[in-house]
Amino acid sequence: MEILRTPAERFANLPDYPFAENWFTVDLGDGLTARQHYLDEGDKSAPPVLLFHGEPSWSFLYRKMIPILVDAGFRVLAPDLIGFGKSDKPDDISFYTYARHVDWLKQWRNAVEPRPAALFCQDWGSLLGLRMVGQEPERFTCVVASNAALPVGGKITDAFLAWREFARTSPDFVIGDLLQRATQTPLSDAEVAAYNAPFPNEASKAGARAFPQLVPVEDGMDGIAENVAAWEGLAGFTAPFLTLFGEDDPVLGSAAPALNTRIEGAKGLPHAMLSKCGHFSQEDRPQELSQGIIDMARKAGHLV
């Protein structure tokens, strides 16, 4: 196995992405390390908010939300998961596991911002982030979840089955095109190119191909026992927990009630299904998502 590093020139002239690079060395296990990229914007002493991206995107997804959140008074932290964005990419699909992704992200969080933080999570960012909330609820002051889930097996949807098979076998696995199809807001050619930038060849897409195979949506899969245990803490999470989902997301758009009817801190909050909003809600409704984070952080006393 090789640990690939996407050439820096692939990220030249990214639209609306003027953010400074920051780096953290992750212990991958098996004697291997990788360089993880993350954004760190705003006053370092300000209340932190963590933005966790999913499949197959990277921190570019948050370019519209970051300025709003910095202006509101947050320290904004957005990592690129290992295998994505500017972060290093193991080229062996089998090396990626749910447990390893959680461990890698926890290493980053513990080193970079161990204080209690607000969390925004979407897609695989929620499979990682919500498990972390369930395991250590005291480390999160509030949560806003969009097109999110913490699955524990059960019935798999036809839409997800099709996506999983496509990610596993399709020779036409073009990341920018996938982002374009899963948003309601047309992306410019430069934005599509920015989503393609981390993946110059097939080997670099190992993490993106692996993620759909790791979602524990069928009984007996790895991760179910850990998610069942995490749900004990997540269901009892009493801090504000808001769901803002996209009406036009065919995979997770209907999953909001599984969160907002079960989590204690979700009771009585203005949960919403956002119109003209696809799977990548950060592209379609960045203002509404950002305001949700601001409102929940103020409600929690995390932000003045």
C-alpha atoms as a PDB file:
ATOM      1  CA  MET A   1       0.000   0.000   0.000  1.00  0.00           C
ATOM      2  CA  GLU A   2       1.105   3.545  -0.773  1.00  0.00           C
ATOM      3  CA  ILE A   3       0.127   6.742   1.041  1.00  0.00           C
ATOM      4  CA  LEU A   4      -0.609   9.155  -1.782  1.00  0.00           C
ATOM      5  CA  ARG A   5      -0.245  12.921  -1.581  1.00  0.00           C
ATOM      6  CA  THR A   6      -2.197  14.984  -4.096  1.00  0.00           C
ATOM      7  CA  PRO A   7       0.112  17.468  -5.853  1.00  0.00           C
ATOM      8  CA  ALA A   8      -0.336  21.011  -4.533  1.00  0.00           C
ATOM      9  CA  GLU A   9      -0.790  22.405  -8.033  1.00  0.00           C
ATOM     10  CA  ARG A  10      -4.087  20.525  -8.280  1.00  0.00           C
ATOM     11  CA  PHE A  11      -5.466  23.035  -5.763  1.00  0.00           C
ATOM     12  CA  ALA A  12      -4.376  26.229  -7.519  1.00  0.00           C
ATOM     13  CA  ASN A  13      -7.007  28.904  -8.126  1.00  0.00           C
ATOM     14  CA  LEU A  14      -9.843  27.314  -6.153  1.00  0.00           C
ATOM     15  CA  PRO A  15     -12.907  29.590  -6.312  1.00  0.00           C
ATOM     16  CA  ASP A  16     -13.989  31.233  -3.033  1.00  0.00           C
ATOM     17  CA  TYR A  17     -11.466  29.202  -1.039  1.00  0.00           C
ATOM     18  CA  PRO A  18      -8.875  31.706   0.259  1.00  0.00           C
ATOM     19  CA  PHE A  19      -8.214  29.777   3.466  1.00  0.00           C
ATOM     20  CA  ALA A  20      -4.780  29.022   4.912  1.00  0.00           C
ATOM     21  CA  GLU A  21      -3.577  25.434   5.055  1.00  0.00           C
ATOM     22  CA  ASN A  22      -3.061  23.687   8.391  1.00  0.00           C
ATOM     23  CA  TRP A  23      -1.602  20.222   8.923  1.00  0.00           C
ATOM     24  CA  PHE A  24      -1.722  17.446  11.498  1.00  0.00           C
ATOM     25  CA  THR A  25       0.102  14.098  11.449  1.00  0.00           C
ATOM     26  CA  VAL A  26      -2.252  11.162  12.009  1.00  0.00           C
ATOM     27  CA  ASP A  27      -1.151   7.760  13.264  1.00  0.00           C
ATOM     28  CA  LEU A  28      -2.871   5.474  10.778  1.00  0.00           C
ATOM     29  CA  GLY A  29      -1.884   2.285  12.583  1.00  0.00           C
ATOM     30  CA  ASP A  30       0.325  -0.513  11.282  1.00  0.00           C
ATOM     31  CA  GLY A  31       3.330   1.792  11.699  1.00  0.00           C
ATOM     32  CA  LEU A  32       2.000   4.260   9.123  1.00  0.00           C
ATOM     33  CA  THR A  33       1.331   7.982   9.346  1.00  0.00           C
ATOM     34  CA  ALA A  34      -0.473  10.460   7.110  1.00  0.00           C
ATOM     35  CA  ARG A  35      -0.659  14.203   6.824  1.00  0.00           C
ATOM     36  CA  GLN A  36      -4.164  15.558   7.462  1.00  0.00           C
ATOM     37  CA  HIS A  37      -5.233  18.955   6.173  1.00  0.00           C
ATOM     38  CA  TYR A  38      -7.706  21.194   7.975  1.00  0.00           C
ATOM     39  CA  LEU A  39      -9.046  24.731   7.926  1.00  0.00           C
ATOM     40  CA  ASP A  40      -8.794  26.866  11.045  1.00  0.00           C
ATOM     41  CA  GLU A  41     -10.465  30.243  10.617  1.00  0.00           C
ATOM     42  CA  GLY A  42     -11.370  32.936  13.152  1.00  0.00           C
ATOM     43  CA  ASP A  43      -9.972  33.878  16.544  1.00  0.00           C
ATOM     44  CA  LYS A  44      -8.267  30.842  18.115  1.00  0.00           C
ATOM     45  CA  SER A  45      -9.762  31.756  21.505  1.00  0.00           C
ATOM     46  CA  ALA A  46     -13.324  32.019  20.137  1.00  0.00           C
ATOM     47  CA  PRO A  47     -15.970  29.316  20.738  1.00  0.00           C
ATOM     48  CA  PRO A  48     -15.143  26.443  18.377  1.00  0.00           C
ATOM     49  CA  VAL A  49     -17.402  24.889  15.778  1.00  0.00           C
ATOM     50  CA  LEU A  50     -16.402  21.689  13.982  1.00  0.00           C
ATOM     51  CA  LEU A  51     -17.566  21.132  10.391  1.00  0.00           C
ATOM     52  CA  PHE A  52     -17.378  17.476   9.300  1.00  0.00           C
ATOM     53  CA  HIS A  53     -17.772  16.704   5.604  1.00  0.00           C
ATOM     54  CA  GLY A  54     -18.889  13.419   4.085  1.00  0.00           C
ATOM     55  CA  GLU A  55     -18.625  11.332   0.911  1.00  0.00           C
ATOM     56  CA  PRO A  56     -17.008  12.149  -1.512  1.00  0.00           C
ATOM     57  CA  SER A  57     -16.433  15.822  -0.696  1.00  0.00           C
ATOM     58  CA  TRP A  58     -13.881  17.815   1.301  1.00  0.00           C
ATOM     59  CA  SER A  59     -13.593  21.121   3.172  1.00  0.00           C
ATOM     60  CA  PHE A  60     -14.244  23.025  -0.065  1.00  0.00           C
ATOM     61  CA  LEU A  61     -17.880  22.126   0.651  1.00  0.00           C
ATOM     62  CA  TYR A  62     -17.865  24.624   3.538  1.00  0.00           C
ATOM     63  CA  ARG A  63     -16.474  27.634   1.694  1.00  0.00           C
ATOM     64  CA  LYS A  64     -19.855  29.428   1.738  1.00  0.00           C
ATOM     65  CA  MET A  65     -20.514  28.781   5.433  1.00  0.00           C
ATOM     66  CA  ILE A  66     -17.101  29.548   6.924  1.00  0.00           C
ATOM     67  CA  PRO A  67     -17.192  33.358   6.445  1.00  0.00           C
ATOM     68  CA  ILE A  68     -20.690  33.536   7.969  1.00  0.00           C
ATOM     69  CA  LEU A  69     -19.614  31.540  11.014  1.00  0.00           C
ATOM     70  CA  VAL A  70     -16.382  33.502  11.498  1.00  0.00           C
ATOM     71  CA  ASP A  71     -18.341  36.764  11.334  1.00  0.00           C
ATOM     72  CA  ALA A  72     -20.709  35.374  13.995  1.00  0.00           C
ATOM     73  CA  GLY A  73     -17.772  34.918  16.372  1.00  0.00           C
ATOM     74  CA  PHE A  74     -16.707  31.269  15.992  1.00  0.00           C
ATOM     75  CA  ARG A  75     -13.366  29.598  15.620  1.00  0.00           C
ATOM     76  CA  VAL A  76     -14.211  27.428  12.589  1.00  0.00           C
ATOM     77  CA  LEU A  77     -12.434  24.104  12.100  1.00  0.00           C
ATOM     78  CA  ALA A  78     -13.026  21.951   9.022  1.00  0.00           C
ATOM     79  CA  PRO A  79     -10.822  18.883   8.516  1.00  0.00           C
ATOM     80  CA  ASP A  80     -10.340  16.944   5.316  1.00  0.00           C
ATOM     81  CA  LEU A  81     -10.876  13.302   6.251  1.00  0.00           C
ATOM     82  CA  ILE A  82      -8.020  10.930   5.476  1.00  0.00           C
ATOM     83  CA  GLY A  83      -8.457   9.900   1.843  1.00  0.00           C
ATOM     84  CA  PHE A  84     -10.123  13.198   0.885  1.00  0.00           C
ATOM     85  CA  GLY A  85      -9.286  16.778   0.008  1.00  0.00           C
ATOM     86  CA  LYS A  86      -5.723  17.858   0.613  1.00  0.00           C
ATOM     87  CA  SER A  87      -5.182  15.087   3.164  1.00  0.00           C
ATOM     88  CA  ASP A  88      -3.058  12.037   2.329  1.00  0.00           C
ATOM     89  CA  LYS A  89      -4.758   9.046   0.732  1.00  0.00           C
ATOM     90  CA  PRO A  90      -3.977   5.373   1.368  1.00  0.00           C
ATOM     91  CA  ASP A  91      -4.509   3.666  -1.971  1.00  0.00           C
ATOM     92  CA  ASP A  92      -5.815   0.342  -0.586  1.00  0.00           C
ATOM     93  CA  ILE A  93      -9.615   0.275  -0.295  1.00  0.00           C
ATOM     94  CA  SER A  94      -9.485  -2.482   2.311  1.00  0.00           C
ATOM     95  CA  PHE A  95      -7.353  -0.331   4.636  1.00  0.00           C
ATOM     96  CA  TYR A  96     -10.282   2.019   5.267  1.00  0.00           C
ATOM     97  CA  THR A  97     -12.627   0.963   8.073  1.00  0.00           C
ATOM     98  CA  TYR A  98     -15.295   2.748  10.079  1.00  0.00           C
ATOM     99  CA  ALA A  99     -13.305   2.266  13.295  1.00  0.00           C
ATOM    100  CA  ARG A 100     -10.134   3.646  11.771  1.00  0.00           C
ATOM    101  CA  HIS A 101     -11.910   6.733  10.428  1.00  0.00           C
ATOM    102  CA  VAL A 102     -13.312   7.446  13.906  1.00  0.00           C
ATOM    103  CA  ASP A 103      -9.895   6.986  15.478  1.00  0.00           C
ATOM    104  CA  TRP A 104      -8.172   9.224  12.919  1.00  0.00           C
ATOM    105  CA  LEU A 105     -10.723  12.005  13.394  1.00  0.00           C
ATOM    106  CA  LYS A 106     -10.526  11.744  17.183  1.00  0.00           C
ATOM    107  CA  GLN A 107      -6.747  12.091  17.022  1.00  0.00           C
ATOM    108  CA  TRP A 108      -7.149  15.326  15.084  1.00  0.00           C
ATOM    109  CA  ARG A 109      -9.861  16.714  17.357  1.00  0.00           C
ATOM    110  CA  ASN A 110      -8.013  15.865  20.591  1.00  0.00           C
ATOM    111  CA  ALA A 111      -4.830  17.541  19.378  1.00  0.00           C
ATOM    112  CA  VAL A 112      -6.238  20.600  17.610  1.00  0.00           C
ATOM    113  CA  GLU A 113      -9.319  21.623  19.640  1.00  0.00           C
ATOM    114  CA  PRO A 114     -10.084  19.557  22.749  1.00  0.00           C
ATOM    115  CA  ARG A 115     -12.478  22.144  24.228  1.00  0.00           C
ATOM    116  CA  PRO A 116     -16.241  21.520  24.118  1.00  0.00           C
ATOM    117  CA  ALA A 117     -17.395  22.496  20.621  1.00  0.00           C
ATOM    118  CA  ALA A 118     -20.450  22.977  18.479  1.00  0.00           C
ATOM    119  CA  LEU A 119     -20.747  20.421  15.678  1.00  0.00           C
ATOM    120  CA  PHE A 120     -22.193  20.545  12.184  1.00  0.00           C
ATOM    121  CA  CYS A 121     -22.191  17.223  10.348  1.00  0.00           C
ATOM    122  CA  GLN A 122     -23.536  15.778   7.112  1.00  0.00           C
ATOM    123  CA  ASP A 123     -23.368  12.376   5.397  1.00  0.00           C
ATOM    124  CA  TRP A 124     -20.282  10.438   6.607  1.00  0.00           C
ATOM    125  CA  GLY A 125     -19.443  13.450   8.735  1.00  0.00           C
ATOM    126  CA  SER A 126     -22.465  12.419  10.784  1.00  0.00           C
ATOM    127  CA  LEU A 127     -21.555   8.732  10.968  1.00  0.00           C
ATOM    128  CA  LEU A 128     -18.296   9.878  12.512  1.00  0.00           C
ATOM    129  CA  GLY A 129     -19.481  12.943  14.407  1.00  0.00           C
ATOM    130  CA  LEU A 130     -22.647  11.493  15.923  1.00  0.00           C
ATOM    131  CA  ARG A 131     -20.752   8.453  17.168  1.00  0.00           C
ATOM    132  CA  MET A 132     -18.317  10.858  18.822  1.00  0.00           C
ATOM    133  CA  VAL A 133     -21.213  12.792  20.390  1.00  0.00           C
ATOM    134  CA  GLY A 134     -22.715   9.570  21.708  1.00  0.00           C
ATOM    135  CA  GLN A 135     -19.416   8.445  23.169  1.00  0.00           C
ATOM    136  CA  GLU A 136     -18.451  11.793  24.735  1.00  0.00           C
ATOM    137  CA  PRO A 137     -21.538  14.033  24.872  1.00  0.00           C
ATOM    138  CA  GLU A 138     -19.926  16.403  27.359  1.00  0.00           C
ATOM    139  CA  ARG A 139     -17.482  17.509  24.663  1.00  0.00           C
ATOM    140  CA  PHE A 140     -20.221  18.952  22.427  1.00  0.00           C
ATOM    141  CA  THR A 141     -22.225  22.071  23.251  1.00  0.00           C
ATOM    142  CA  CYS A 142     -24.780  21.663  20.449  1.00  0.00           C
ATOM    143  CA  VAL A 143     -25.253  19.818  17.172  1.00  0.00           C
ATOM    144  CA  VAL A 144     -26.776  20.689  13.818  1.00  0.00           C
ATOM    145  CA  ALA A 145     -27.191  17.657  11.564  1.00  0.00           C
ATOM    146  CA  SER A 146     -28.084  17.781   7.869  1.00  0.00           C
ATOM    147  CA  ASN A 147     -28.781  14.725   5.720  1.00  0.00           C
ATOM    148  CA  ALA A 148     -27.329  12.679   8.537  1.00  0.00           C
ATOM    149  CA  ALA A 149     -27.664   9.329  10.294  1.00  0.00           C
ATOM    150  CA  LEU A 150     -26.116   6.958  12.812  1.00  0.00           C
ATOM    151  CA  PRO A 151     -27.209   3.605  11.342  1.00  0.00           C
ATOM    152  CA  VAL A 152     -27.430   0.325  13.237  1.00  0.00           C
ATOM    153  CA  GLY A 153     -28.394  -2.120  10.501  1.00  0.00           C
ATOM    154  CA  GLY A 154     -31.952  -2.903   9.486  1.00  0.00           C
ATOM    155  CA  LYS A 155     -33.495  -2.286   6.089  1.00  0.00           C
ATOM    156  CA  ILE A 156     -31.422  -0.825   3.291  1.00  0.00           C
ATOM    157  CA  THR A 157     -33.043   1.550   0.783  1.00  0.00           C
ATOM    158  CA  ASP A 158     -32.971   0.962  -2.956  1.00  0.00           C
ATOM    159  CA  ALA A 159     -31.376   4.383  -3.454  1.00  0.00           C
ATOM    160  CA  PHE A 160     -28.492   3.544  -1.148  1.00  0.00           C
ATOM    161  CA  LEU A 161     -28.052   0.077  -2.648  1.00  0.00           C
ATOM    162  CA  ALA A 162     -27.690   1.654  -6.083  1.00  0.00           C
ATOM    163  CA  TRP A 163     -25.208   4.235  -4.804  1.00  0.00           C
ATOM    164  CA  ARG A 164     -23.123   1.608  -2.987  1.00  0.00           C
ATOM    165  CA  GLU A 165     -22.892  -0.561  -6.081  1.00  0.00           C
ATOM    166  CA  PHE A 166     -22.058   2.423  -8.290  1.00  0.00           C
ATOM    167  CA  ALA A 167     -19.238   3.503  -5.957  1.00  0.00           C
ATOM    168  CA  ARG A 168     -17.881  -0.047  -5.894  1.00  0.00           C
ATOM    169  CA  THR A 169     -17.948  -0.904  -9.589  1.00  0.00           C
ATOM    170  CA  SER A 170     -18.485   2.093 -11.856  1.00  0.00           C
ATOM    171  CA  PRO A 171     -15.548   2.926 -14.142  1.00  0.00           C
ATOM    172  CA  ASP A 172     -17.020   6.439 -14.428  1.00  0.00           C
ATOM    173  CA  PHE A 173     -16.501   7.540 -10.822  1.00  0.00           C
ATOM    174  CA  VAL A 174     -15.971  11.262 -11.417  1.00  0.00           C
ATOM    175  CA  ILE A 175     -16.246  13.084  -8.103  1.00  0.00           C
ATOM    176  CA  GLY A 176     -17.130  16.529  -9.410  1.00  0.00           C
ATOM    177  CA  ASP A 177     -19.952  15.114 -11.501  1.00  0.00           C
ATOM    178  CA  LEU A 178     -21.330  13.326  -8.434  1.00  0.00           C
ATOM    179  CA  LEU A 179     -21.413  16.603  -6.506  1.00  0.00           C
ATOM    180  CA  GLN A 180     -23.119  18.341  -9.396  1.00  0.00           C
ATOM    181  CA  ARG A 181     -25.851  15.722  -9.615  1.00  0.00           C
ATOM    182  CA  ALA A 182     -26.529  15.775  -5.867  1.00  0.00           C
ATOM    183  CA  THR A 183     -27.081  19.525  -5.535  1.00  0.00           C
ATOM    184  CA  GLN A 184     -29.987  21.683  -6.602  1.00  0.00           C
ATOM    185  CA  THR A 185     -27.700  24.677  -7.149  1.00  0.00           C
ATOM    186  CA  PRO A 186     -25.749  24.467 -10.419  1.00  0.00           C
ATOM    187  CA  LEU A 187     -22.011  24.353  -9.858  1.00  0.00           C
ATOM    188  CA  SER A 188     -19.654  26.308 -12.077  1.00  0.00           C
ATOM    189  CA  ASP A 189     -16.983  24.515 -14.075  1.00  0.00           C
ATOM    190  CA  ALA A 190     -14.413  25.831 -11.602  1.00  0.00           C
ATOM    191  CA  GLU A 191     -16.384  24.424  -8.649  1.00  0.00           C
ATOM    192  CA  VAL A 192     -16.732  21.023 -10.308  1.00  0.00           C
ATOM    193  CA  ALA A 193     -12.984  21.098 -10.961  1.00  0.00           C
ATOM    194  CA  ALA A 194     -12.371  21.910  -7.284  1.00  0.00           C
ATOM    195  CA  TYR A 195     -14.250  18.769  -6.241  1.00  0.00           C
ATOM    196  CA  ASN A 196     -12.222  16.760  -8.750  1.00  0.00           C
ATOM    197  CA  ALA A 197      -8.933  18.298  -7.622  1.00  0.00           C
ATOM    198  CA  PRO A 198      -8.129  15.852  -4.755  1.00  0.00           C
ATOM    199  CA  PHE A 199      -8.466  12.834  -7.055  1.00  0.00           C
ATOM    200  CA  PRO A 200      -6.003  12.932  -9.949  1.00  0.00           C
ATOM    201  CA  ASN A 201      -6.192   9.193 -10.650  1.00  0.00           C
ATOM    202  CA  GLU A 202      -8.043   6.001  -9.769  1.00  0.00           C
ATOM    203  CA  ALA A 203      -5.692   5.071  -6.910  1.00  0.00           C
ATOM    204  CA  SER A 204      -6.464   8.350  -5.135  1.00  0.00           C
ATOM    205  CA  LYS A 205     -10.170   7.467  -5.056  1.00  0.00           C
ATOM    206  CA  ALA A 206      -9.775   4.436  -2.784  1.00  0.00           C
ATOM    207  CA  GLY A 207     -11.246   6.241   0.237  1.00  0.00           C
ATOM    208  CA  ALA A 208     -14.154   7.605  -1.777  1.00  0.00           C
ATOM    209  CA  ARG A 209     -14.958   4.157  -3.163  1.00  0.00           C
ATOM    210  CA  ALA A 210     -14.627   2.593   0.289  1.00  0.00           C
ATOM    211  CA  PHE A 211     -16.982   4.834   2.268  1.00  0.00           C
ATOM    212  CA  PRO A 212     -20.318   3.577   0.861  1.00  0.00           C
ATOM    213  CA  GLN A 213     -19.252  -0.024   1.528  1.00  0.00           C
ATOM    214  CA  LEU A 214     -18.628   0.778   5.221  1.00  0.00           C
ATOM    215  CA  VAL A 215     -22.061   2.193   6.109  1.00  0.00           C
ATOM    216  CA  PRO A 216     -23.542  -0.337   8.598  1.00  0.00           C
ATOM    217  CA  VAL A 217     -26.987  -0.570   7.019  1.00  0.00           C
ATOM    218  CA  GLU A 218     -27.255  -4.354   7.035  1.00  0.00           C
ATOM    219  CA  ASP A 219     -27.289  -6.616  10.073  1.00  0.00           C
ATOM    220  CA  GLY A 220     -23.935  -8.099  10.958  1.00  0.00           C
ATOM    221  CA  MET A 221     -21.796  -5.315   9.486  1.00  0.00           C
ATOM    222  CA  ASP A 222     -18.835  -3.834  11.315  1.00  0.00           C
ATOM    223  CA  GLY A 223     -19.779  -0.719  13.256  1.00  0.00           C
ATOM    224  CA  ILE A 224     -23.257  -1.764  14.351  1.00  0.00           C
ATOM    225  CA  ALA A 225     -22.303  -2.691  17.915  1.00  0.00           C
ATOM    226  CA  GLU A 226     -20.356   0.532  18.336  1.00  0.00           C
ATOM    227  CA  ASN A 227     -23.227   2.614  16.974  1.00  0.00           C
ATOM    228  CA  VAL A 228     -25.755   0.856  19.211  1.00  0.00           C
ATOM    229  CA  ALA A 229     -23.562   1.754  22.187  1.00  0.00           C
ATOM    230  CA  ALA A 230     -23.136   5.336  20.953  1.00  0.00           C
ATOM    231  CA  TRP A 231     -26.905   5.714  20.610  1.00  0.00           C
ATOM    232  CA  GLU A 232     -27.236   5.343  24.378  1.00  0.00           C
ATOM    233  CA  GLY A 233     -25.300   8.562  24.866  1.00  0.00           C
ATOM    234  CA  LEU A 234     -26.744  10.243  21.787  1.00  0.00           C
ATOM    235  CA  ALA A 235     -30.365   9.632  22.751  1.00  0.00           C
ATOM    236  CA  GLY A 236     -29.696  11.185  26.152  1.00  0.00           C
ATOM    237  CA  PHE A 237     -27.855  14.198  24.704  1.00  0.00           C
ATOM    238  CA  THR A 238     -29.601  17.161  26.339  1.00  0.00           C
ATOM    239  CA  ALA A 239     -27.852  20.053  24.587  1.00  0.00           C
ATOM    240  CA  PRO A 240     -29.576  21.598  21.528  1.00  0.00           C
ATOM    241  CA  PHE A 241     -29.741  19.173  18.590  1.00  0.00           C
ATOM    242  CA  LEU A 242     -31.242  20.598  15.372  1.00  0.00           C
ATOM    243  CA  THR A 243     -31.968  18.781  12.106  1.00  0.00           C
ATOM    244  CA  LEU A 244     -31.992  20.727   8.825  1.00  0.00           C
ATOM    245  CA  PHE A 245     -32.430  18.242   5.996  1.00  0.00           C
ATOM    246  CA  GLY A 246     -32.865  18.613   2.241  1.00  0.00           C
ATOM    247  CA  GLU A 247     -36.222  17.800   0.687  1.00  0.00           C
ATOM    248  CA  ASP A 248     -34.463  16.730  -2.503  1.00  0.00           C
ATOM    249  CA  ASP A 249     -32.007  14.239  -0.991  1.00  0.00           C
ATOM    250  CA  PRO A 250     -33.164  10.734  -2.104  1.00  0.00           C
ATOM    251  CA  VAL A 251     -30.757   8.896   0.210  1.00  0.00           C
ATOM    252  CA  LEU A 252     -31.028  10.639   3.602  1.00  0.00           C
ATOM    253  CA  GLY A 253     -33.749  13.237   3.124  1.00  0.00           C
ATOM    254  CA  SER A 254     -36.288  11.128   5.009  1.00  0.00           C
ATOM    255  CA  ALA A 255     -33.976  10.264   7.909  1.00  0.00           C
ATOM    256  CA  ALA A 256     -34.507  13.341  10.090  1.00  0.00           C
ATOM    257  CA  PRO A 257     -37.197  11.823  12.352  1.00  0.00           C
ATOM    258  CA  ALA A 258     -34.844   9.004  13.331  1.00  0.00           C
ATOM    259  CA  LEU A 259     -32.767  11.701  15.005  1.00  0.00           C
ATOM    260  CA  ASN A 260     -35.104  14.471  16.097  1.00  0.00           C
ATOM    261  CA  THR A 261     -37.723  12.189  17.669  1.00  0.00           C
ATOM    262  CA  ARG A 262     -35.206  10.153  19.646  1.00  0.00           C
ATOM    263  CA  ILE A 263     -32.603  12.618  20.930  1.00  0.00           C
ATOM    264  CA  GLU A 264     -33.521  14.457  24.120  1.00  0.00           C
ATOM    265  CA  GLY A 265     -31.983  17.773  23.083  1.00  0.00           C
ATOM    266  CA  ALA A 266     -33.965  17.820  19.832  1.00  0.00           C
ATOM    267  CA  LYS A 267     -37.324  18.260  21.558  1.00  0.00           C
ATOM    268  CA  GLY A 268     -39.143  21.497  20.776  1.00  0.00           C
ATOM    269  CA  LEU A 269     -36.605  22.824  18.288  1.00  0.00           C
ATOM    270  CA  PRO A 270     -37.465  24.259  14.839  1.00  0.00           C
ATOM    271  CA  HIS A 271     -36.409  21.269  12.741  1.00  0.00           C
ATOM    272  CA  ALA A 272     -36.861  21.890   9.033  1.00  0.00           C
ATOM    273  CA  MET A 273     -36.945  20.206   5.664  1.00  0.00           C
ATOM    274  CA  LEU A 274     -35.267  22.693   3.364  1.00  0.00           C
ATOM    275  CA  SER A 275     -36.802  23.174  -0.079  1.00  0.00           C
ATOM    276  CA  LYS A 276     -34.640  23.218  -3.204  1.00  0.00           C
ATOM    277  CA  CYS A 277     -31.990  21.393  -1.216  1.00  0.00           C
ATOM    278  CA  GLY A 278     -30.227  18.217  -2.257  1.00  0.00           C
ATOM    279  CA  HIS A 279     -27.796  15.896  -0.528  1.00  0.00           C
ATOM    280  CA  PHE A 280     -25.032  18.489  -0.339  1.00  0.00           C
ATOM    281  CA  SER A 281     -27.047  21.011   1.613  1.00  0.00           C
ATOM    282  CA  GLN A 282     -23.947  23.133   2.210  1.00  0.00           C
ATOM    283  CA  GLU A 283     -24.018  24.043  -1.482  1.00  0.00           C
ATOM    284  CA  ASP A 284     -27.755  24.657  -1.639  1.00  0.00           C
ATOM    285  CA  ARG A 285     -28.647  26.331   1.658  1.00  0.00           C
ATOM    286  CA  PRO A 286     -25.470  27.607   3.363  1.00  0.00           C
ATOM    287  CA  GLN A 287     -27.157  30.632   4.944  1.00  0.00           C
ATOM    288  CA  GLU A 288     -29.898  28.593   6.603  1.00  0.00           C
ATOM    289  CA  LEU A 289     -27.445  25.989   7.865  1.00  0.00           C
ATOM    290  CA  SER A 290     -25.097  28.634   9.232  1.00  0.00           C
ATOM    291  CA  GLN A 291     -27.938  30.421  10.982  1.00  0.00           C
ATOM    292  CA  GLY A 292     -29.035  27.135  12.525  1.00  0.00           C
ATOM    293  CA  ILE A 293     -25.560  26.664  13.984  1.00  0.00           C
ATOM    294  CA  ILE A 294     -25.524  30.225  15.303  1.00  0.00           C
ATOM    295  CA  ASP A 295     -28.978  29.872  16.853  1.00  0.00           C
ATOM    296  CA  MET A 296     -28.191  26.557  18.543  1.00  0.00           C
ATOM    297  CA  ALA A 297     -24.844  27.819  19.855  1.00  0.00           C
ATOM    298  CA  ARG A 298     -26.565  30.852  21.363  1.00  0.00           C
ATOM    299  CA  LYS A 299     -29.281  28.687  22.838  1.00  0.00           C
ATOM    300  CA  ALA A 300     -26.605  26.518  24.441  1.00  0.00           C
ATOM    301  CA  GLY A 301     -24.697  29.526  25.778  1.00  0.00           C
ATOM    302  CA  HIS A 302     -21.747  28.544  23.594  1.00  0.00           C
ATOM    303  CA  LEU A 303     -21.875  31.780  21.588  1.00  0.00           C
ATOM    304  CA  VAL A 304     -22.814  35.249  22.851  1.00  0.00           C
END
